[in-house]
Amino acid sequence: MGYELIDHTGDLGLKIRSVDLKSLFCEAATALFDVISDLDLIEVREEREISVVGMDNEELLVAWLNELLYLHEVERLLFRDFKIIEIGEGKLKGTAGGEALREEYHIIKTAIKAVTYHQLEVRKENDGWSGRIIFDI
């Protein structure tokens, strides 16, 4: 169902909507890397397995996105394909597919410093799931 950018003073916010919880987390990750770079230029050359823990869906979302951001910053990876294998009972297991940043090819549009808890929201609605997340830029 997608995402939209929302105005937030000094930071960058996203509203995300999806049909189910797993898809919501994938949409959030896709939105993160769409903000960072051009998804059309990222090829899936490798896949990383990611496991995180959290007290609730909000903490899991922050942990998931922060782990992806960590891999981007430290290992210089860009991702475009995401799959949530398991989510529930305070844990998430998923995969991210992408490639190493090639500075001569990829463009970094926005540098994201961190995923924040400010105005964080993940909730079930009648027609699916929605979320809101703010990135420190």
N, C-alpha and C. Protein backbone atom coordinates (compact mmCIF):
# COMPACT_ATOMS: atom_id res chain seq x y z
N MET A 1 0.83 -1.19 0.00
CA MET A 1 0.00 0.00 0.00
C MET A 1 0.87 1.25 0.00
N GLY A 2 2.11 1.14 0.53
CA GLY A 2 3.05 2.21 0.35
C GLY A 2 3.32 3.10 1.54
N TYR A 3 3.98 4.21 1.22
CA TYR A 3 4.35 5.16 2.25
C TYR A 3 4.27 6.57 1.70
N GLU A 4 4.24 7.55 2.62
CA GLU A 4 4.30 8.95 2.23
C GLU A 4 5.18 9.69 3.22
N LEU A 5 5.86 10.70 2.73
CA LEU A 5 6.68 11.55 3.59
C LEU A 5 5.77 12.49 4.35
N ILE A 6 6.12 12.77 5.61
CA ILE A 6 5.36 13.73 6.39
C ILE A 6 6.31 14.81 6.89
N ASP A 7 5.79 16.02 7.01
CA ASP A 7 6.59 17.13 7.50
C ASP A 7 6.92 16.94 8.97
N HIS A 8 8.18 17.18 9.29
CA HIS A 8 8.60 17.15 10.68
C HIS A 8 9.82 18.06 10.81
N THR A 9 9.75 19.00 11.72
CA THR A 9 10.80 20.00 11.87
C THR A 9 12.17 19.36 12.08
N GLY A 10 13.09 19.63 11.17
CA GLY A 10 14.47 19.19 11.30
C GLY A 10 14.73 17.72 11.09
N ASP A 11 13.69 16.92 10.94
CA ASP A 11 13.83 15.49 10.74
C ASP A 11 12.97 15.08 9.54
N LEU A 12 12.91 13.80 9.30
CA LEU A 12 12.12 13.28 8.19
C LEU A 12 11.17 12.22 8.72
N GLY A 13 9.90 12.37 8.43
CA GLY A 13 8.91 11.42 8.91
C GLY A 13 8.27 10.65 7.78
N LEU A 14 7.80 9.44 8.11
CA LEU A 14 7.11 8.59 7.15
C LEU A 14 5.82 8.06 7.76
N LYS A 15 4.78 8.01 6.95
CA LYS A 15 3.57 7.28 7.28
C LYS A 15 3.55 6.08 6.35
N ILE A 16 3.33 4.92 6.93
CA ILE A 16 3.37 3.69 6.16
C ILE A 16 2.05 2.95 6.33
N ARG A 17 1.57 2.37 5.24
CA ARG A 17 0.35 1.56 5.29
C ARG A 17 0.60 0.26 4.56
N SER A 18 0.00 -0.81 5.10
CA SER A 18 0.17 -2.11 4.48
C SER A 18 -0.99 -3.03 4.87
N VAL A 19 -1.08 -4.14 4.16
CA VAL A 19 -2.17 -5.07 4.39
C VAL A 19 -1.95 -5.92 5.64
N ASP A 20 -0.69 -6.19 6.00
CA ASP A 20 -0.41 -6.98 7.19
C ASP A 20 0.87 -6.48 7.86
N LEU A 21 1.15 -7.01 9.03
CA LEU A 21 2.28 -6.53 9.83
C LEU A 21 3.62 -6.80 9.15
N LYS A 22 3.79 -7.98 8.59
CA LYS A 22 5.05 -8.30 7.90
C LYS A 22 5.29 -7.33 6.75
N SER A 23 4.27 -7.07 5.98
CA SER A 23 4.41 -6.14 4.85
C SER A 23 4.70 -4.72 5.32
N LEU A 24 4.15 -4.34 6.47
CA LEU A 24 4.41 -3.01 7.01
C LEU A 24 5.90 -2.83 7.29
N PHE A 25 6.52 -3.83 7.87
CA PHE A 25 7.95 -3.76 8.17
C PHE A 25 8.77 -3.73 6.88
N CYS A 26 8.35 -4.48 5.87
CA CYS A 26 9.03 -4.44 4.58
C CYS A 26 8.87 -3.08 3.90
N GLU A 27 7.67 -2.52 3.96
CA GLU A 27 7.43 -1.19 3.39
C GLU A 27 8.29 -0.13 4.09
N ALA A 28 8.41 -0.23 5.41
CA ALA A 28 9.22 0.73 6.16
C ALA A 28 10.69 0.64 5.73
N ALA A 29 11.19 -0.57 5.56
CA ALA A 29 12.59 -0.75 5.13
C ALA A 29 12.79 -0.24 3.71
N THR A 30 11.83 -0.52 2.84
CA THR A 30 11.89 -0.02 1.47
C THR A 30 11.90 1.51 1.47
N ALA A 31 11.03 2.11 2.27
CA ALA A 31 10.97 3.57 2.36
C ALA A 31 12.30 4.14 2.86
N LEU A 32 12.90 3.49 3.87
CA LEU A 32 14.18 3.94 4.40
C LEU A 32 15.23 4.03 3.29
N PHE A 33 15.34 2.97 2.50
CA PHE A 33 16.37 2.96 1.46
C PHE A 33 15.98 3.77 0.24
N ASP A 34 14.70 4.00 0.04
CA ASP A 34 14.27 4.89 -1.04
C ASP A 34 14.63 6.34 -0.70
N VAL A 35 14.58 6.67 0.58
CA VAL A 35 15.00 8.00 1.04
C VAL A 35 16.51 8.14 0.92
N ILE A 36 17.25 7.08 1.25
CA ILE A 36 18.70 7.11 1.23
C ILE A 36 19.25 7.17 -0.19
N SER A 37 18.72 6.35 -1.09
CA SER A 37 19.30 6.23 -2.43
C SER A 37 18.20 5.97 -3.46
N ASP A 38 18.60 5.70 -4.69
CA ASP A 38 17.68 5.38 -5.77
C ASP A 38 17.52 3.87 -5.83
N LEU A 39 16.36 3.36 -5.45
CA LEU A 39 16.13 1.91 -5.42
C LEU A 39 16.35 1.25 -6.77
N ASP A 40 16.06 1.96 -7.85
CA ASP A 40 16.21 1.38 -9.19
C ASP A 40 17.66 1.06 -9.53
N LEU A 41 18.60 1.68 -8.84
CA LEU A 41 20.02 1.44 -9.11
C LEU A 41 20.63 0.36 -8.22
N ILE A 42 19.86 -0.14 -7.26
CA ILE A 42 20.37 -1.15 -6.34
C ILE A 42 20.03 -2.53 -6.88
N GLU A 43 21.05 -3.35 -7.04
CA GLU A 43 20.87 -4.73 -7.48
C GLU A 43 20.97 -5.66 -6.28
N VAL A 44 20.28 -6.78 -6.36
CA VAL A 44 20.36 -7.77 -5.29
C VAL A 44 21.50 -8.73 -5.64
N ARG A 45 22.64 -8.49 -5.01
CA ARG A 45 23.83 -9.32 -5.23
C ARG A 45 24.15 -10.18 -4.00
N GLU A 46 23.58 -9.79 -2.86
CA GLU A 46 23.78 -10.56 -1.63
C GLU A 46 22.58 -10.37 -0.74
N GLU A 47 22.44 -11.29 0.21
CA GLU A 47 21.32 -11.24 1.14
C GLU A 47 21.85 -11.37 2.56
N ARG A 48 21.29 -10.60 3.45
CA ARG A 48 21.66 -10.65 4.87
C ARG A 48 20.45 -11.11 5.68
N GLU A 49 20.71 -11.99 6.64
CA GLU A 49 19.68 -12.40 7.58
C GLU A 49 19.76 -11.48 8.78
N ILE A 50 18.63 -11.01 9.24
CA ILE A 50 18.59 -10.04 10.33
C ILE A 50 17.62 -10.55 11.40
N SER A 51 18.08 -10.53 12.64
CA SER A 51 17.25 -10.90 13.79
C SER A 51 17.37 -9.80 14.82
N VAL A 52 16.22 -9.34 15.31
CA VAL A 52 16.19 -8.31 16.34
C VAL A 52 15.13 -8.66 17.37
N VAL A 53 15.23 -8.02 18.53
CA VAL A 53 14.24 -8.23 19.59
C VAL A 53 13.69 -6.88 20.03
N GLY A 54 12.51 -6.91 20.64
CA GLY A 54 11.87 -5.71 21.15
C GLY A 54 10.68 -6.07 22.00
N MET A 55 10.27 -5.15 22.83
CA MET A 55 9.15 -5.40 23.75
C MET A 55 7.80 -5.45 23.03
N ASP A 56 7.67 -4.70 21.93
CA ASP A 56 6.41 -4.62 21.20
C ASP A 56 6.71 -4.31 19.73
N ASN A 57 5.67 -4.14 18.95
CA ASN A 57 5.85 -3.90 17.51
C ASN A 57 6.62 -2.61 17.22
N GLU A 58 6.40 -1.58 18.04
CA GLU A 58 7.12 -0.32 17.85
C GLU A 58 8.62 -0.52 18.05
N GLU A 59 8.99 -1.18 19.13
CA GLU A 59 10.42 -1.44 19.38
C GLU A 59 11.02 -2.34 18.31
N LEU A 60 10.25 -3.31 17.84
CA LEU A 60 10.74 -4.18 16.76
C LEU A 60 10.98 -3.39 15.48
N LEU A 61 10.10 -2.45 15.18
CA LEU A 61 10.27 -1.64 13.98
C LEU A 61 11.53 -0.79 14.06
N VAL A 62 11.76 -0.15 15.20
CA VAL A 62 12.97 0.66 15.38
C VAL A 62 14.21 -0.23 15.31
N ALA A 63 14.18 -1.37 15.96
CA ALA A 63 15.34 -2.27 15.96
C ALA A 63 15.64 -2.78 14.55
N TRP A 64 14.62 -3.15 13.81
CA TRP A 64 14.75 -3.63 12.43
C TRP A 64 15.39 -2.55 11.54
N LEU A 65 14.82 -1.35 11.59
CA LEU A 65 15.34 -0.27 10.75
C LEU A 65 16.73 0.18 11.19
N ASN A 66 16.99 0.21 12.50
CA ASN A 66 18.32 0.58 12.98
C ASN A 66 19.37 -0.44 12.58
N GLU A 67 19.02 -1.72 12.56
CA GLU A 67 19.97 -2.75 12.13
C GLU A 67 20.28 -2.58 10.64
N LEU A 68 19.28 -2.29 9.84
CA LEU A 68 19.50 -2.03 8.41
C LEU A 68 20.36 -0.79 8.21
N LEU A 69 20.08 0.24 8.99
CA LEU A 69 20.87 1.47 8.91
C LEU A 69 22.32 1.21 9.34
N TYR A 70 22.50 0.40 10.36
CA TYR A 70 23.85 0.02 10.81
C TYR A 70 24.61 -0.67 9.68
N LEU A 71 23.98 -1.63 9.02
CA LEU A 71 24.64 -2.33 7.91
C LEU A 71 24.97 -1.38 6.76
N HIS A 72 24.12 -0.40 6.56
CA HIS A 72 24.39 0.61 5.53
C HIS A 72 25.61 1.46 5.92
N GLU A 73 25.63 1.93 7.15
CA GLU A 73 26.69 2.83 7.60
C GLU A 73 28.04 2.12 7.78
N VAL A 74 28.03 0.97 8.42
CA VAL A 74 29.28 0.30 8.78
C VAL A 74 29.82 -0.57 7.65
N GLU A 75 28.92 -1.32 7.01
CA GLU A 75 29.37 -2.22 5.94
C GLU A 75 29.15 -1.64 4.54
N ARG A 76 28.61 -0.42 4.50
CA ARG A 76 28.41 0.29 3.23
C ARG A 76 27.50 -0.48 2.26
N LEU A 77 26.38 -1.00 2.79
CA LEU A 77 25.43 -1.77 1.99
C LEU A 77 24.19 -0.95 1.69
N LEU A 78 23.61 -1.21 0.54
CA LEU A 78 22.31 -0.65 0.15
C LEU A 78 21.38 -1.83 -0.10
N PHE A 79 20.15 -1.72 0.38
CA PHE A 79 19.19 -2.81 0.22
C PHE A 79 17.95 -2.35 -0.55
N ARG A 80 17.27 -3.32 -1.17
CA ARG A 80 16.04 -3.01 -1.88
C ARG A 80 14.96 -4.08 -1.71
N ASP A 81 15.34 -5.31 -1.40
CA ASP A 81 14.37 -6.39 -1.23
C ASP A 81 14.35 -6.87 0.21
N PHE A 82 13.17 -6.92 0.79
CA PHE A 82 13.03 -7.27 2.20
C PHE A 82 11.97 -8.34 2.38
N LYS A 83 12.22 -9.23 3.33
CA LYS A 83 11.26 -10.28 3.64
C LYS A 83 11.28 -10.50 5.15
N ILE A 84 10.11 -10.53 5.76
CA ILE A 84 9.99 -10.85 7.17
C ILE A 84 9.59 -12.33 7.24
N ILE A 85 10.45 -13.12 7.85
CA ILE A 85 10.21 -14.55 7.96
C ILE A 85 9.33 -14.85 9.17
N GLU A 86 9.61 -14.14 10.26
CA GLU A 86 8.91 -14.39 11.52
C GLU A 86 8.83 -13.10 12.31
N ILE A 87 7.65 -12.83 12.87
CA ILE A 87 7.50 -11.68 13.76
C ILE A 87 6.48 -12.04 14.83
N GLY A 88 6.82 -11.72 16.06
CA GLY A 88 5.93 -11.98 17.17
C GLY A 88 6.69 -12.36 18.42
N GLU A 89 6.02 -12.27 19.56
CA GLU A 89 6.59 -12.62 20.85
C GLU A 89 7.93 -11.92 21.10
N GLY A 90 8.01 -10.65 20.68
CA GLY A 90 9.19 -9.85 20.96
C GLY A 90 10.40 -10.11 20.09
N LYS A 91 10.21 -10.79 18.97
CA LYS A 91 11.34 -11.02 18.08
C LYS A 91 10.93 -10.93 16.62
N LEU A 92 11.90 -10.60 15.82
CA LEU A 92 11.70 -10.49 14.37
C LEU A 92 12.89 -11.14 13.69
N LYS A 93 12.59 -11.90 12.64
CA LYS A 93 13.63 -12.50 11.82
C LYS A 93 13.27 -12.20 10.36
N GLY A 94 14.23 -11.64 9.63
CA GLY A 94 13.96 -11.29 8.25
C GLY A 94 15.22 -11.31 7.42
N THR A 95 15.06 -10.96 6.14
CA THR A 95 16.20 -10.87 5.24
C THR A 95 16.15 -9.55 4.49
N ALA A 96 17.33 -9.11 4.09
CA ALA A 96 17.47 -7.90 3.27
C ALA A 96 18.40 -8.24 2.12
N GLY A 97 17.98 -7.93 0.90
CA GLY A 97 18.80 -8.18 -0.27
C GLY A 97 19.25 -6.88 -0.90
N GLY A 98 20.52 -6.84 -1.28
CA GLY A 98 21.06 -5.64 -1.90
C GLY A 98 22.50 -5.84 -2.32
N GLU A 99 23.25 -4.77 -2.25
CA GLU A 99 24.64 -4.82 -2.69
C GLU A 99 25.47 -3.76 -1.97
N ALA A 100 26.78 -3.89 -2.14
CA ALA A 100 27.70 -2.90 -1.58
C ALA A 100 27.56 -1.58 -2.33
N LEU A 101 27.67 -0.51 -1.60
CA LEU A 101 27.64 0.83 -2.18
C LEU A 101 28.79 1.00 -3.16
N ARG A 102 28.47 1.40 -4.37
CA ARG A 102 29.48 1.73 -5.38
C ARG A 102 29.38 3.23 -5.60
N GLU A 103 30.35 3.96 -5.07
CA GLU A 103 30.28 5.42 -5.09
C GLU A 103 30.25 6.00 -6.50
N GLU A 104 30.83 5.31 -7.45
CA GLU A 104 30.81 5.79 -8.83
C GLU A 104 29.46 5.55 -9.51
N TYR A 105 28.59 4.78 -8.87
CA TYR A 105 27.31 4.39 -9.48
C TYR A 105 26.10 4.86 -8.66
N HIS A 106 26.13 4.60 -7.36
CA HIS A 106 25.00 4.95 -6.49
C HIS A 106 25.09 6.39 -6.02
N ILE A 107 23.96 6.98 -5.84
CA ILE A 107 23.87 8.34 -5.31
C ILE A 107 23.20 8.27 -3.94
N ILE A 108 23.82 8.91 -2.96
CA ILE A 108 23.19 9.01 -1.64
C ILE A 108 22.40 10.31 -1.63
N LYS A 109 21.07 10.18 -1.58
CA LYS A 109 20.18 11.34 -1.61
C LYS A 109 20.06 12.00 -0.23
N THR A 110 19.92 11.17 0.82
CA THR A 110 19.73 11.67 2.16
C THR A 110 20.50 10.80 3.14
N ALA A 111 21.27 11.42 3.99
CA ALA A 111 21.98 10.69 5.04
C ALA A 111 21.08 10.61 6.27
N ILE A 112 20.75 9.40 6.67
CA ILE A 112 19.93 9.18 7.86
C ILE A 112 20.88 8.87 9.02
N LYS A 113 20.76 9.62 10.10
CA LYS A 113 21.61 9.40 11.27
C LYS A 113 21.07 8.30 12.17
N ALA A 114 19.74 8.31 12.37
CA ALA A 114 19.15 7.34 13.30
C ALA A 114 17.65 7.22 13.07
N VAL A 115 17.11 6.12 13.53
CA VAL A 115 15.67 5.91 13.59
C VAL A 115 15.27 6.26 15.01
N THR A 116 14.26 7.11 15.17
CA THR A 116 13.91 7.60 16.51
C THR A 116 12.62 6.97 17.04
N TYR A 117 12.39 7.18 18.32
CA TYR A 117 11.15 6.74 18.96
C TYR A 117 10.12 7.87 18.99
N HIS A 118 10.50 9.05 18.53
CA HIS A 118 9.62 10.21 18.55
C HIS A 118 8.40 9.98 17.66
N GLN A 119 7.21 10.10 18.21
CA GLN A 119 5.93 9.92 17.51
C GLN A 119 5.81 8.55 16.84
N LEU A 120 6.54 7.58 17.34
CA LEU A 120 6.53 6.22 16.79
C LEU A 120 5.15 5.58 16.99
N GLU A 121 4.71 4.90 15.93
CA GLU A 121 3.39 4.25 16.02
C GLU A 121 3.32 3.07 15.06
N VAL A 122 2.81 1.96 15.55
CA VAL A 122 2.45 0.80 14.73
C VAL A 122 1.09 0.35 15.24
N ARG A 123 0.11 0.29 14.34
CA ARG A 123 -1.22 -0.11 14.82
C ARG A 123 -2.02 -0.84 13.76
N LYS A 124 -2.89 -1.71 14.26
CA LYS A 124 -3.81 -2.48 13.43
C LYS A 124 -5.02 -1.61 13.16
N GLU A 125 -5.45 -1.60 11.90
CA GLU A 125 -6.64 -0.87 11.51
C GLU A 125 -7.61 -1.83 10.84
N ASN A 126 -8.79 -1.35 10.53
CA ASN A 126 -9.81 -2.21 9.91
C ASN A 126 -9.34 -2.82 8.59
N ASP A 127 -8.60 -2.03 7.80
CA ASP A 127 -8.23 -2.49 6.46
C ASP A 127 -6.75 -2.84 6.34
N GLY A 128 -6.06 -3.03 7.47
CA GLY A 128 -4.66 -3.39 7.41
C GLY A 128 -3.88 -2.83 8.59
N TRP A 129 -2.66 -2.41 8.34
CA TRP A 129 -1.77 -1.87 9.37
C TRP A 129 -1.23 -0.52 8.94
N SER A 130 -0.93 0.31 9.93
CA SER A 130 -0.31 1.60 9.63
C SER A 130 0.82 1.84 10.63
N GLY A 131 1.73 2.71 10.22
CA GLY A 131 2.84 3.05 11.09
C GLY A 131 3.32 4.45 10.81
N ARG A 132 4.01 5.00 11.79
CA ARG A 132 4.66 6.31 11.63
C ARG A 132 6.04 6.20 12.27
N ILE A 133 7.02 6.73 11.56
CA ILE A 133 8.39 6.68 12.03
C ILE A 133 9.09 7.98 11.66
N ILE A 134 9.96 8.45 12.55
CA ILE A 134 10.71 9.68 12.32
C ILE A 134 12.21 9.32 12.26
N PHE A 135 12.87 9.81 11.21
CA PHE A 135 14.32 9.62 11.06
C PHE A 135 15.04 10.90 11.42
N ASP A 136 16.12 10.77 12.15
CA ASP A 136 17.01 11.90 12.43
C ASP A 136 17.96 12.04 11.23
N ILE A 137 17.90 13.22 10.58
CA ILE A 137 18.75 13.42 9.40
C ILE A 137 19.81 14.48 9.66
